Amino acid sequence: MIKAKFYFVSEAGIDPKTTIVKVKRIQLLDQEESFLFPANKQTSDKHEQLFENPIVKNVVKSLKVRNKFRNVVLTLSKELEKIYLDTEGNVVFHDEYLEEAT
């Protein structure tokens, strides 16, 4: 089983009165590098399977105040592996290779 760390942030939504949680970054635990999700692919509607995870649901509940963050480690299910990894174990998002964070 592959474990990955996801970085979640609470930010203002399109409506300034709304706070939303976005997933900004992914890092495999056995790698030093982390990878950034494109700005237009950070919301829960783009990561439906991830946001259905019970741990992620609790993260979302805990991020009520804007500009807070959580790093959480998840064991990737086969379904999540298909979304976040290519056939060789490289980090992707739906077959799109992600930019490495510096």
PDB file of N, CA and C in Angstrom:
ATOM      1  N   MET A   1       0.830  -1.189   0.000  1.00  0.00           N
ATOM      2  CA  MET A   1       0.000   0.000   0.000  1.00  0.00           C
ATOM      3  C   MET A   1       0.874   1.252   0.000  1.00  0.00           C
ATOM      4  N   ILE A   2       0.499   2.206  -0.797  1.00  0.00           N
ATOM      5  CA  ILE A   2       1.253   3.452  -0.927  1.00  0.00           C
ATOM      6  C   ILE A   2       0.602   4.512  -0.049  1.00  0.00           C
ATOM      7  N   LYS A   3       1.440   5.234   0.688  1.00  0.00           N
ATOM      8  CA  LYS A   3       0.947   6.321   1.534  1.00  0.00           C
ATOM      9  C   LYS A   3       1.365   7.653   0.928  1.00  0.00           C
ATOM     10  N   ALA A   4       0.463   8.618   1.030  1.00  0.00           N
ATOM     11  CA  ALA A   4       0.730   9.957   0.506  1.00  0.00           C
ATOM     12  C   ALA A   4       0.270  10.992   1.515  1.00  0.00           C
ATOM     13  N   LYS A   5       0.989  12.115   1.530  1.00  0.00           N
ATOM     14  CA  LYS A   5       0.613  13.245   2.378  1.00  0.00           C
ATOM     15  C   LYS A   5      -0.070  14.281   1.490  1.00  0.00           C
ATOM     16  N   PHE A   6      -1.235  14.720   1.922  1.00  0.00           N
ATOM     17  CA  PHE A   6      -1.980  15.751   1.212  1.00  0.00           C
ATOM     18  C   PHE A   6      -2.015  17.008   2.071  1.00  0.00           C
ATOM     19  N   TYR A   7      -1.893  18.166   1.428  1.00  0.00           N
ATOM     20  CA  TYR A   7      -1.878  19.469   2.097  1.00  0.00           C
ATOM     21  C   TYR A   7      -3.188  20.175   1.764  1.00  0.00           C
ATOM     22  N   PHE A   8      -4.024  20.392   2.781  1.00  0.00           N
ATOM     23  CA  PHE A   8      -5.323  21.041   2.623  1.00  0.00           C
ATOM     24  C   PHE A   8      -5.290  22.434   3.231  1.00  0.00           C
ATOM     25  N   VAL A   9      -5.977  23.391   2.582  1.00  0.00           N
ATOM     26  CA  VAL A   9      -6.017  24.781   3.038  1.00  0.00           C
ATOM     27  C   VAL A   9      -7.457  25.282   2.970  1.00  0.00           C
ATOM     28  N   SER A  10      -7.848  26.079   3.968  1.00  0.00           N
ATOM     29  CA  SER A  10      -9.157  26.738   3.924  1.00  0.00           C
ATOM     30  C   SER A  10      -8.969  28.152   3.382  1.00  0.00           C
ATOM     31  N   GLU A  11      -9.799  28.509   2.404  1.00  0.00           N
ATOM     32  CA  GLU A  11      -9.689  29.812   1.733  1.00  0.00           C
ATOM     33  C   GLU A  11     -11.082  30.366   1.460  1.00  0.00           C
ATOM     34  N   ALA A  12     -11.116  31.625   1.069  1.00  0.00           N
ATOM     35  CA  ALA A  12     -12.377  32.241   0.646  1.00  0.00           C
ATOM     36  C   ALA A  12     -12.827  31.594  -0.660  1.00  0.00           C
ATOM     37  N   GLY A  13     -14.127  31.381  -0.761  1.00  0.00           N
ATOM     38  CA  GLY A  13     -14.680  30.843  -1.991  1.00  0.00           C
ATOM     39  C   GLY A  13     -14.964  31.955  -2.987  1.00  0.00           C
ATOM     40  N   ILE A  14     -15.674  31.625  -4.044  1.00  0.00           N
ATOM     41  CA  ILE A  14     -16.059  32.632  -5.040  1.00  0.00           C
ATOM     42  C   ILE A  14     -16.916  33.698  -4.368  1.00  0.00           C
ATOM     43  N   ASP A  15     -17.838  33.242  -3.528  1.00  0.00           N
ATOM     44  CA  ASP A  15     -18.623  34.155  -2.688  1.00  0.00           C
ATOM     45  C   ASP A  15     -17.758  34.472  -1.468  1.00  0.00           C
ATOM     46  N   PRO A  16     -17.420  35.743  -1.233  1.00  0.00           N
ATOM     47  CA  PRO A  16     -16.500  36.091  -0.139  1.00  0.00           C
ATOM     48  C   PRO A  16     -16.975  35.666   1.256  1.00  0.00           C
ATOM     49  N   LYS A  17     -18.265  35.346   1.388  1.00  0.00           N
ATOM     50  CA  LYS A  17     -18.784  34.915   2.686  1.00  0.00           C
ATOM     51  C   LYS A  17     -18.578  33.418   2.921  1.00  0.00           C
ATOM     52  N   THR A  18     -18.150  32.715   1.886  1.00  0.00           N
ATOM     53  CA  THR A  18     -18.006  31.266   1.955  1.00  0.00           C
ATOM     54  C   THR A  18     -16.542  30.876   2.125  1.00  0.00           C
ATOM     55  N   THR A  19     -16.297  29.909   2.999  1.00  0.00           N
ATOM     56  CA  THR A  19     -14.962  29.342   3.161  1.00  0.00           C
ATOM     57  C   THR A  19     -14.970  27.947   2.556  1.00  0.00           C
ATOM     58  N   ILE A  20     -13.985  27.660   1.707  1.00  0.00           N
ATOM     59  CA  ILE A  20     -13.887  26.336   1.100  1.00  0.00           C
ATOM     60  C   ILE A  20     -12.525  25.730   1.427  1.00  0.00           C
ATOM     61  N   VAL A  21     -12.471  24.417   1.363  1.00  0.00           N
ATOM     62  CA  VAL A  21     -11.220  23.696   1.594  1.00  0.00           C
ATOM     63  C   VAL A  21     -10.706  23.194   0.253  1.00  0.00           C
ATOM     64  N   LYS A  22      -9.432  23.475  -0.005  1.00  0.00           N
ATOM     65  CA  LYS A  22      -8.782  23.040  -1.241  1.00  0.00           C
ATOM     66  C   LYS A  22      -7.624  22.114  -0.910  1.00  0.00           C
ATOM     67  N   VAL A  23      -7.334  21.213  -1.835  1.00  0.00           N
ATOM     68  CA  VAL A  23      -6.148  20.367  -1.712  1.00  0.00           C
ATOM     69  C   VAL A  23      -5.083  20.975  -2.622  1.00  0.00           C
ATOM     70  N   LYS A  24      -3.966  21.375  -2.048  1.00  0.00           N
ATOM     71  CA  LYS A  24      -2.943  22.124  -2.772  1.00  0.00           C
ATOM     72  C   LYS A  24      -1.786  21.260  -3.259  1.00  0.00           C
ATOM     73  N   ARG A  25      -1.459  20.219  -2.477  1.00  0.00           N
ATOM     74  CA  ARG A  25      -0.200  19.520  -2.730  1.00  0.00           C
ATOM     75  C   ARG A  25      -0.326  18.048  -2.348  1.00  0.00           C
ATOM     76  N   ILE A  26       0.488  17.227  -3.001  1.00  0.00           N
ATOM     77  CA  ILE A  26       0.585  15.805  -2.682  1.00  0.00           C
ATOM     78  C   ILE A  26       2.062  15.432  -2.605  1.00  0.00           C
ATOM     79  N   GLN A  27       2.376  14.544  -1.680  1.00  0.00           N
ATOM     80  CA  GLN A  27       3.747  14.039  -1.547  1.00  0.00           C
ATOM     81  C   GLN A  27       3.668  12.572  -1.150  1.00  0.00           C
ATOM     82  N   LEU A  28       4.356  11.707  -1.894  1.00  0.00           N
ATOM     83  CA  LEU A  28       4.452  10.310  -1.487  1.00  0.00           C
ATOM     84  C   LEU A  28       5.409  10.235  -0.311  1.00  0.00           C
ATOM     85  N   LEU A  29       5.096   9.413   0.677  1.00  0.00           N
ATOM     86  CA  LEU A  29       5.894   9.402   1.901  1.00  0.00           C
ATOM     87  C   LEU A  29       7.323   8.935   1.680  1.00  0.00           C
ATOM     88  N   ASP A  30       7.563   8.142   0.645  1.00  0.00           N
ATOM     89  CA  ASP A  30       8.929   7.675   0.404  1.00  0.00           C
ATOM     90  C   ASP A  30       9.719   8.607  -0.521  1.00  0.00           C
ATOM     91  N   GLN A  31       9.182   9.793  -0.811  1.00  0.00           N
ATOM     92  CA  GLN A  31       9.863  10.756  -1.685  1.00  0.00           C
ATOM     93  C   GLN A  31      10.028  12.096  -0.976  1.00  0.00           C
ATOM     94  N   GLU A  32      11.107  12.791  -1.310  1.00  0.00           N
ATOM     95  CA  GLU A  32      11.320  14.134  -0.765  1.00  0.00           C
ATOM     96  C   GLU A  32      10.473  15.173  -1.486  1.00  0.00           C
ATOM     97  N   GLU A  33      10.217  14.952  -2.770  1.00  0.00           N
ATOM     98  CA  GLU A  33       9.523  15.939  -3.589  1.00  0.00           C
ATOM     99  C   GLU A  33       8.031  15.956  -3.272  1.00  0.00           C
ATOM    100  N   SER A  34       7.460  17.154  -3.356  1.00  0.00           N
ATOM    101  CA  SER A  34       6.007  17.274  -3.307  1.00  0.00           C
ATOM    102  C   SER A  34       5.563  17.939  -4.604  1.00  0.00           C
ATOM    103  N   PHE A  35       4.309  17.745  -4.950  1.00  0.00           N
ATOM    104  CA  PHE A  35       3.794  18.199  -6.235  1.00  0.00           C
ATOM    105  C   PHE A  35       2.538  19.033  -6.029  1.00  0.00           C
ATOM    106  N   LEU A  36       2.421  20.098  -6.829  1.00  0.00           N
ATOM    107  CA  LEU A  36       1.322  21.057  -6.706  1.00  0.00           C
ATOM    108  C   LEU A  36       0.199  20.727  -7.686  1.00  0.00           C
ATOM    109  N   PHE A  37      -1.026  20.797  -7.194  1.00  0.00           N
ATOM    110  CA  PHE A  37      -2.167  20.684  -8.087  1.00  0.00           C
ATOM    111  C   PHE A  37      -2.378  22.037  -8.753  1.00  0.00           C
ATOM    112  N   PRO A  38      -2.731  22.067 -10.052  1.00  0.00           N
ATOM    113  CA  PRO A  38      -3.013  23.348 -10.709  1.00  0.00           C
ATOM    114  C   PRO A  38      -4.134  24.087  -9.975  1.00  0.00           C
ATOM    115  N   ALA A  39      -4.100  25.409 -10.004  1.00  0.00           N
ATOM    116  CA  ALA A  39      -5.068  26.235  -9.269  1.00  0.00           C
ATOM    117  C   ALA A  39      -6.514  25.882  -9.617  1.00  0.00           C
ATOM    118  N   ASN A  40      -6.772  25.512 -10.854  1.00  0.00           N
ATOM    119  CA  ASN A  40      -8.139  25.199 -11.270  1.00  0.00           C
ATOM    120  C   ASN A  40      -8.537  23.753 -10.965  1.00  0.00           C
ATOM    121  N   LYS A  41      -7.654  23.008 -10.285  1.00  0.00           N
ATOM    122  CA  LYS A  41      -7.942  21.602  -9.962  1.00  0.00           C
ATOM    123  C   LYS A  41      -7.670  21.307  -8.492  1.00  0.00           C
ATOM    124  N   GLN A  42      -8.059  22.239  -7.617  1.00  0.00           N
ATOM    125  CA  GLN A  42      -7.798  22.079  -6.186  1.00  0.00           C
ATOM    126  C   GLN A  42      -9.064  21.911  -5.353  1.00  0.00           C
ATOM    127  N   THR A  43     -10.222  22.073  -5.945  1.00  0.00           N
ATOM    128  CA  THR A  43     -11.470  22.053  -5.178  1.00  0.00           C
ATOM    129  C   THR A  43     -12.033  20.634  -5.045  1.00  0.00           C
ATOM    130  N   SER A  44     -12.946  20.484  -4.114  1.00  0.00           N
ATOM    131  CA  SER A  44     -13.506  19.163  -3.821  1.00  0.00           C
ATOM    132  C   SER A  44     -14.220  18.547  -5.020  1.00  0.00           C
ATOM    133  N   ASP A  45     -14.803  19.363  -5.889  1.00  0.00           N
ATOM    134  CA  ASP A  45     -15.496  18.803  -7.050  1.00  0.00           C
ATOM    135  C   ASP A  45     -14.535  18.164  -8.045  1.00  0.00           C
ATOM    136  N   LYS A  46     -13.261  18.516  -7.994  1.00  0.00           N
ATOM    137  CA  LYS A  46     -12.246  17.901  -8.861  1.00  0.00           C
ATOM    138  C   LYS A  46     -11.630  16.657  -8.207  1.00  0.00           C
ATOM    139  N   HIS A  47     -11.818  16.511  -6.902  1.00  0.00           N
ATOM    140  CA  HIS A  47     -11.219  15.409  -6.131  1.00  0.00           C
ATOM    141  C   HIS A  47     -12.314  14.670  -5.351  1.00  0.00           C
ATOM    142  N   GLU A  48     -13.382  14.287  -6.046  1.00  0.00           N
ATOM    143  CA  GLU A  48     -14.542  13.713  -5.364  1.00  0.00           C
ATOM    144  C   GLU A  48     -14.193  12.485  -4.529  1.00  0.00           C
ATOM    145  N   GLN A  49     -13.413  11.558  -5.100  1.00  0.00           N
ATOM    146  CA  GLN A  49     -13.083  10.333  -4.369  1.00  0.00           C
ATOM    147  C   GLN A  49     -12.235  10.639  -3.140  1.00  0.00           C
ATOM    148  N   LEU A  50     -11.323  11.589  -3.246  1.00  0.00           N
ATOM    149  CA  LEU A  50     -10.480  11.958  -2.111  1.00  0.00           C
ATOM    150  C   LEU A  50     -11.326  12.559  -0.991  1.00  0.00           C
ATOM    151  N   PHE A  51     -12.235  13.462  -1.337  1.00  0.00           N
ATOM    152  CA  PHE A  51     -13.050  14.143  -0.333  1.00  0.00           C
ATOM    153  C   PHE A  51     -14.128  13.232   0.267  1.00  0.00           C
ATOM    154  N   GLU A  52     -14.324  12.029  -0.292  1.00  0.00           N
ATOM    155  CA  GLU A  52     -15.229  11.041   0.302  1.00  0.00           C
ATOM    156  C   GLU A  52     -14.538  10.246   1.408  1.00  0.00           C
ATOM    157  N   ASN A  53     -13.214  10.317   1.485  1.00  0.00           N
ATOM    158  CA  ASN A  53     -12.449   9.594   2.500  1.00  0.00           C
ATOM    159  C   ASN A  53     -12.807  10.127   3.889  1.00  0.00           C
ATOM    160  N   PRO A  54     -13.040   9.241   4.877  1.00  0.00           N
ATOM    161  CA  PRO A  54     -13.428   9.691   6.225  1.00  0.00           C
ATOM    162  C   PRO A  54     -12.405  10.629   6.875  1.00  0.00           C
ATOM    163  N   ILE A  55     -11.133  10.394   6.657  1.00  0.00           N
ATOM    164  CA  ILE A  55     -10.104  11.272   7.233  1.00  0.00           C
ATOM    165  C   ILE A  55     -10.208  12.660   6.620  1.00  0.00           C
ATOM    166  N   VAL A  56     -10.387  12.721   5.316  1.00  0.00           N
ATOM    167  CA  VAL A  56     -10.496  14.015   4.633  1.00  0.00           C
ATOM    168  C   VAL A  56     -11.774  14.729   5.064  1.00  0.00           C
ATOM    169  N   LYS A  57     -12.849  13.997   5.261  1.00  0.00           N
ATOM    170  CA  LYS A  57     -14.085  14.618   5.758  1.00  0.00           C
ATOM    171  C   LYS A  57     -13.842  15.287   7.107  1.00  0.00           C
ATOM    172  N   ASN A  58     -13.073  14.630   7.973  1.00  0.00           N
ATOM    173  CA  ASN A  58     -12.752  15.226   9.275  1.00  0.00           C
ATOM    174  C   ASN A  58     -11.843  16.442   9.132  1.00  0.00           C
ATOM    175  N   VAL A  59     -10.934  16.412   8.163  1.00  0.00           N
ATOM    176  CA  VAL A  59     -10.079  17.573   7.893  1.00  0.00           C
ATOM    177  C   VAL A  59     -10.948  18.762   7.494  1.00  0.00           C
ATOM    178  N   VAL A  60     -11.885  18.529   6.592  1.00  0.00           N
ATOM    179  CA  VAL A  60     -12.772  19.601   6.131  1.00  0.00           C
ATOM    180  C   VAL A  60     -13.555  20.176   7.310  1.00  0.00           C
ATOM    181  N   LYS A  61     -14.049  19.309   8.188  1.00  0.00           N
ATOM    182  CA  LYS A  61     -14.783  19.783   9.370  1.00  0.00           C
ATOM    183  C   LYS A  61     -13.904  20.635  10.275  1.00  0.00           C
ATOM    184  N   SER A  62     -12.629  20.295  10.356  1.00  0.00           N
ATOM    185  CA  SER A  62     -11.728  21.007  11.273  1.00  0.00           C
ATOM    186  C   SER A  62     -11.236  22.342  10.711  1.00  0.00           C
ATOM    187  N   LEU A  63     -11.375  22.544   9.417  1.00  0.00           N
ATOM    188  CA  LEU A  63     -10.885  23.780   8.790  1.00  0.00           C
ATOM    189  C   LEU A  63     -12.028  24.777   8.609  1.00  0.00           C
ATOM    190  N   LYS A  64     -12.527  25.287   9.696  1.00  0.00           N
ATOM    191  CA  LYS A  64     -13.644  26.237   9.660  1.00  0.00           C
ATOM    192  C   LYS A  64     -13.176  27.672   9.443  1.00  0.00           C
ATOM    193  N   VAL A  65     -11.961  27.984   9.890  1.00  0.00           N
ATOM    194  CA  VAL A  65     -11.424  29.340   9.807  1.00  0.00           C
ATOM    195  C   VAL A  65     -10.535  29.430   8.571  1.00  0.00           C
ATOM    196  N   ARG A  66     -10.628  30.545   7.874  1.00  0.00           N
ATOM    197  CA  ARG A  66      -9.817  30.740   6.665  1.00  0.00           C
ATOM    198  C   ARG A  66      -8.331  30.805   6.969  1.00  0.00           C
ATOM    199  N   ASN A  67      -7.556  30.439   5.959  1.00  0.00           N
ATOM    200  CA  ASN A  67      -6.094  30.513   5.988  1.00  0.00           C
ATOM    201  C   ASN A  67      -5.464  29.580   7.014  1.00  0.00           C
ATOM    202  N   LYS A  68      -6.133  28.489   7.310  1.00  0.00           N
ATOM    203  CA  LYS A  68      -5.566  27.429   8.137  1.00  0.00           C
ATOM    204  C   LYS A  68      -5.251  26.250   7.219  1.00  0.00           C
ATOM    205  N   PHE A  69      -4.390  25.344   7.681  1.00  0.00           N
ATOM    206  CA  PHE A  69      -4.038  24.204   6.842  1.00  0.00           C
ATOM    207  C   PHE A  69      -3.901  22.938   7.673  1.00  0.00           C
ATOM    208  N   ARG A  70      -3.945  21.808   6.990  1.00  0.00           N
ATOM    209  CA  ARG A  70      -3.689  20.507   7.595  1.00  0.00           C
ATOM    210  C   ARG A  70      -2.902  19.668   6.590  1.00  0.00           C
ATOM    211  N   ASN A  71      -1.903  18.956   7.093  1.00  0.00           N
ATOM    212  CA  ASN A  71      -1.207  17.925   6.333  1.00  0.00           C
ATOM    213  C   ASN A  71      -1.684  16.592   6.875  1.00  0.00           C
ATOM    214  N   VAL A  72      -2.212  15.738   6.025  1.00  0.00           N
ATOM    215  CA  VAL A  72      -2.665  14.430   6.482  1.00  0.00           C
ATOM    216  C   VAL A  72      -2.083  13.337   5.595  1.00  0.00           C
ATOM    217  N   VAL A  73      -1.798  12.209   6.226  1.00  0.00           N
ATOM    218  CA  VAL A  73      -1.277  11.048   5.518  1.00  0.00           C
ATOM    219  C   VAL A  73      -2.427  10.080   5.285  1.00  0.00           C
ATOM    220  N   LEU A  74      -2.533   9.609   4.051  1.00  0.00           N
ATOM    221  CA  LEU A  74      -3.560   8.643   3.682  1.00  0.00           C
ATOM    222  C   LEU A  74      -2.917   7.459   2.982  1.00  0.00           C
ATOM    223  N   THR A  75      -3.435   6.277   3.244  1.00  0.00           N
ATOM    224  CA  THR A  75      -3.070   5.110   2.454  1.00  0.00           C
ATOM    225  C   THR A  75      -3.957   5.147   1.219  1.00  0.00           C
ATOM    226  N   LEU A  76      -3.342   5.141   0.045  1.00  0.00           N
ATOM    227  CA  LEU A  76      -4.107   5.257  -1.192  1.00  0.00           C
ATOM    228  C   LEU A  76      -4.801   3.937  -1.517  1.00  0.00           C
ATOM    229  N   SER A  77      -6.097   3.995  -1.680  1.00  0.00           N
ATOM    230  CA  SER A  77      -6.850   2.833  -2.151  1.00  0.00           C
ATOM    231  C   SER A  77      -6.500   2.623  -3.623  1.00  0.00           C
ATOM    232  N   LYS A  78      -6.890   1.487  -4.167  1.00  0.00           N
ATOM    233  CA  LYS A  78      -6.631   1.222  -5.596  1.00  0.00           C
ATOM    234  C   LYS A  78      -7.273   2.314  -6.454  1.00  0.00           C
ATOM    235  N   GLU A  79      -8.460   2.748  -6.059  1.00  0.00           N
ATOM    236  CA  GLU A  79      -9.165   3.803  -6.797  1.00  0.00           C
ATOM    237  C   GLU A  79      -8.361   5.108  -6.772  1.00  0.00           C
ATOM    238  N   LEU A  80      -7.838   5.480  -5.596  1.00  0.00           N
ATOM    239  CA  LEU A  80      -7.049   6.712  -5.491  1.00  0.00           C
ATOM    240  C   LEU A  80      -5.704   6.579  -6.196  1.00  0.00           C
ATOM    241  N   GLU A  81      -5.111   5.387  -6.169  1.00  0.00           N
ATOM    242  CA  GLU A  81      -3.853   5.174  -6.896  1.00  0.00           C
ATOM    243  C   GLU A  81      -4.041   5.458  -8.381  1.00  0.00           C
ATOM    244  N   LYS A  82      -5.168   5.027  -8.947  1.00  0.00           N
ATOM    245  CA  LYS A  82      -5.428   5.252 -10.376  1.00  0.00           C
ATOM    246  C   LYS A  82      -5.547   6.741 -10.695  1.00  0.00           C
ATOM    247  N   ILE A  83      -6.013   7.526  -9.729  1.00  0.00           N
ATOM    248  CA  ILE A  83      -6.192   8.965  -9.940  1.00  0.00           C
ATOM    249  C   ILE A  83      -4.878   9.717  -9.762  1.00  0.00           C
ATOM    250  N   TYR A  84      -4.091   9.335  -8.736  1.00  0.00           N
ATOM    251  CA  TYR A  84      -2.926  10.132  -8.327  1.00  0.00           C
ATOM    252  C   TYR A  84      -1.573   9.541  -8.720  1.00  0.00           C
ATOM    253  N   LEU A  85      -1.550   8.356  -9.338  1.00  0.00           N
ATOM    254  CA  LEU A  85      -0.285   7.745  -9.764  1.00  0.00           C
ATOM    255  C   LEU A  85      -0.426   7.186 -11.170  1.00  0.00           C
ATOM    256  N   ASP A  86       0.680   7.228 -11.933  1.00  0.00           N
ATOM    257  CA  ASP A  86       0.671   6.546 -13.220  1.00  0.00           C
ATOM    258  C   ASP A  86       1.077   5.086 -13.007  1.00  0.00           C
ATOM    259  N   THR A  87       1.233   4.338 -14.087  1.00  0.00           N
ATOM    260  CA  THR A  87       1.527   2.907 -13.966  1.00  0.00           C
ATOM    261  C   THR A  87       2.897   2.628 -13.360  1.00  0.00           C
ATOM    262  N   GLU A  88       3.795   3.606 -13.375  1.00  0.00           N
ATOM    263  CA  GLU A  88       5.140   3.442 -12.810  1.00  0.00           C
ATOM    264  C   GLU A  88       5.279   4.049 -11.418  1.00  0.00           C
ATOM    265  N   GLY A  89       4.198   4.587 -10.872  1.00  0.00           N
ATOM    266  CA  GLY A  89       4.249   5.160  -9.533  1.00  0.00           C
ATOM    267  C   GLY A  89       4.619   6.629  -9.490  1.00  0.00           C
ATOM    268  N   ASN A  90       4.638   7.293 -10.647  1.00  0.00           N
ATOM    269  CA  ASN A  90       4.882   8.736 -10.684  1.00  0.00           C
ATOM    270  C   ASN A  90       3.607   9.474 -10.291  1.00  0.00           C
ATOM    271  N   VAL A  91       3.772  10.624  -9.645  1.00  0.00           N
ATOM    272  CA  VAL A  91       2.618  11.400  -9.193  1.00  0.00           C
ATOM    273  C   VAL A  91       1.980  12.117 -10.382  1.00  0.00           C
ATOM    274  N   VAL A  92       0.676  11.914 -10.529  1.00  0.00           N
ATOM    275  CA  VAL A  92      -0.116  12.564 -11.578  1.00  0.00           C
ATOM    276  C   VAL A  92      -1.467  12.941 -10.967  1.00  0.00           C
ATOM    277  N   PHE A  93      -2.262  13.632 -11.740  1.00  0.00           N
ATOM    278  CA  PHE A  93      -3.665  13.837 -11.392  1.00  0.00           C
ATOM    279  C   PHE A  93      -4.470  13.570 -12.648  1.00  0.00           C
ATOM    280  N   HIS A  94      -5.168  12.450 -12.684  1.00  0.00           N
ATOM    281  CA  HIS A  94      -5.893  12.010 -13.880  1.00  0.00           C
ATOM    282  C   HIS A  94      -4.982  12.073 -15.110  1.00  0.00           C
ATOM    283  N   ASP A  95      -3.827  11.452 -15.030  1.00  0.00           N
ATOM    284  CA  ASP A  95      -2.846  11.339 -16.122  1.00  0.00           C
ATOM    285  C   ASP A  95      -2.151  12.652 -16.476  1.00  0.00           C
ATOM    286  N   GLU A  96      -2.354  13.707 -15.716  1.00  0.00           N
ATOM    287  CA  GLU A  96      -1.640  14.973 -15.922  1.00  0.00           C
ATOM    288  C   GLU A  96      -0.499  15.046 -14.909  1.00  0.00           C
ATOM    289  N   TYR A  97       0.725  15.168 -15.419  1.00  0.00           N
ATOM    290  CA  TYR A  97       1.881  15.255 -14.525  1.00  0.00           C
ATOM    291  C   TYR A  97       1.887  16.615 -13.842  1.00  0.00           C
ATOM    292  N   LEU A  98       2.167  16.600 -12.545  1.00  0.00           N
ATOM    293  CA  LEU A  98       2.073  17.809 -11.733  1.00  0.00           C
ATOM    294  C   LEU A  98       3.420  18.498 -11.608  1.00  0.00           C
ATOM    295  N   GLU A  99       3.362  19.798 -11.366  1.00  0.00           N
ATOM    296  CA  GLU A  99       4.568  20.599 -11.172  1.00  0.00           C
ATOM    297  C   GLU A  99       5.160  20.306  -9.799  1.00  0.00           C
ATOM    298  N   GLU A 100       6.470  20.131  -9.773  1.00  0.00           N
ATOM    299  CA  GLU A 100       7.151  19.880  -8.506  1.00  0.00           C
ATOM    300  C   GLU A 100       7.247  21.174  -7.713  1.00  0.00           C
ATOM    301  N   ALA A 101       6.932  21.105  -6.423  1.00  0.00           N
ATOM    302  CA  ALA A 101       7.039  22.277  -5.546  1.00  0.00           C
ATOM    303  C   ALA A 101       8.508  22.529  -5.250  1.00  0.00           C
ATOM    304  N   THR A 102       8.875  23.800  -5.175  1.00  0.00           N
ATOM    305  CA  THR A 102      10.280  24.127  -4.896  1.00  0.00           C
ATOM    306  C   THR A 102      10.427  24.677  -3.498  1.00  0.00           C
TER     307      THR A 102
END
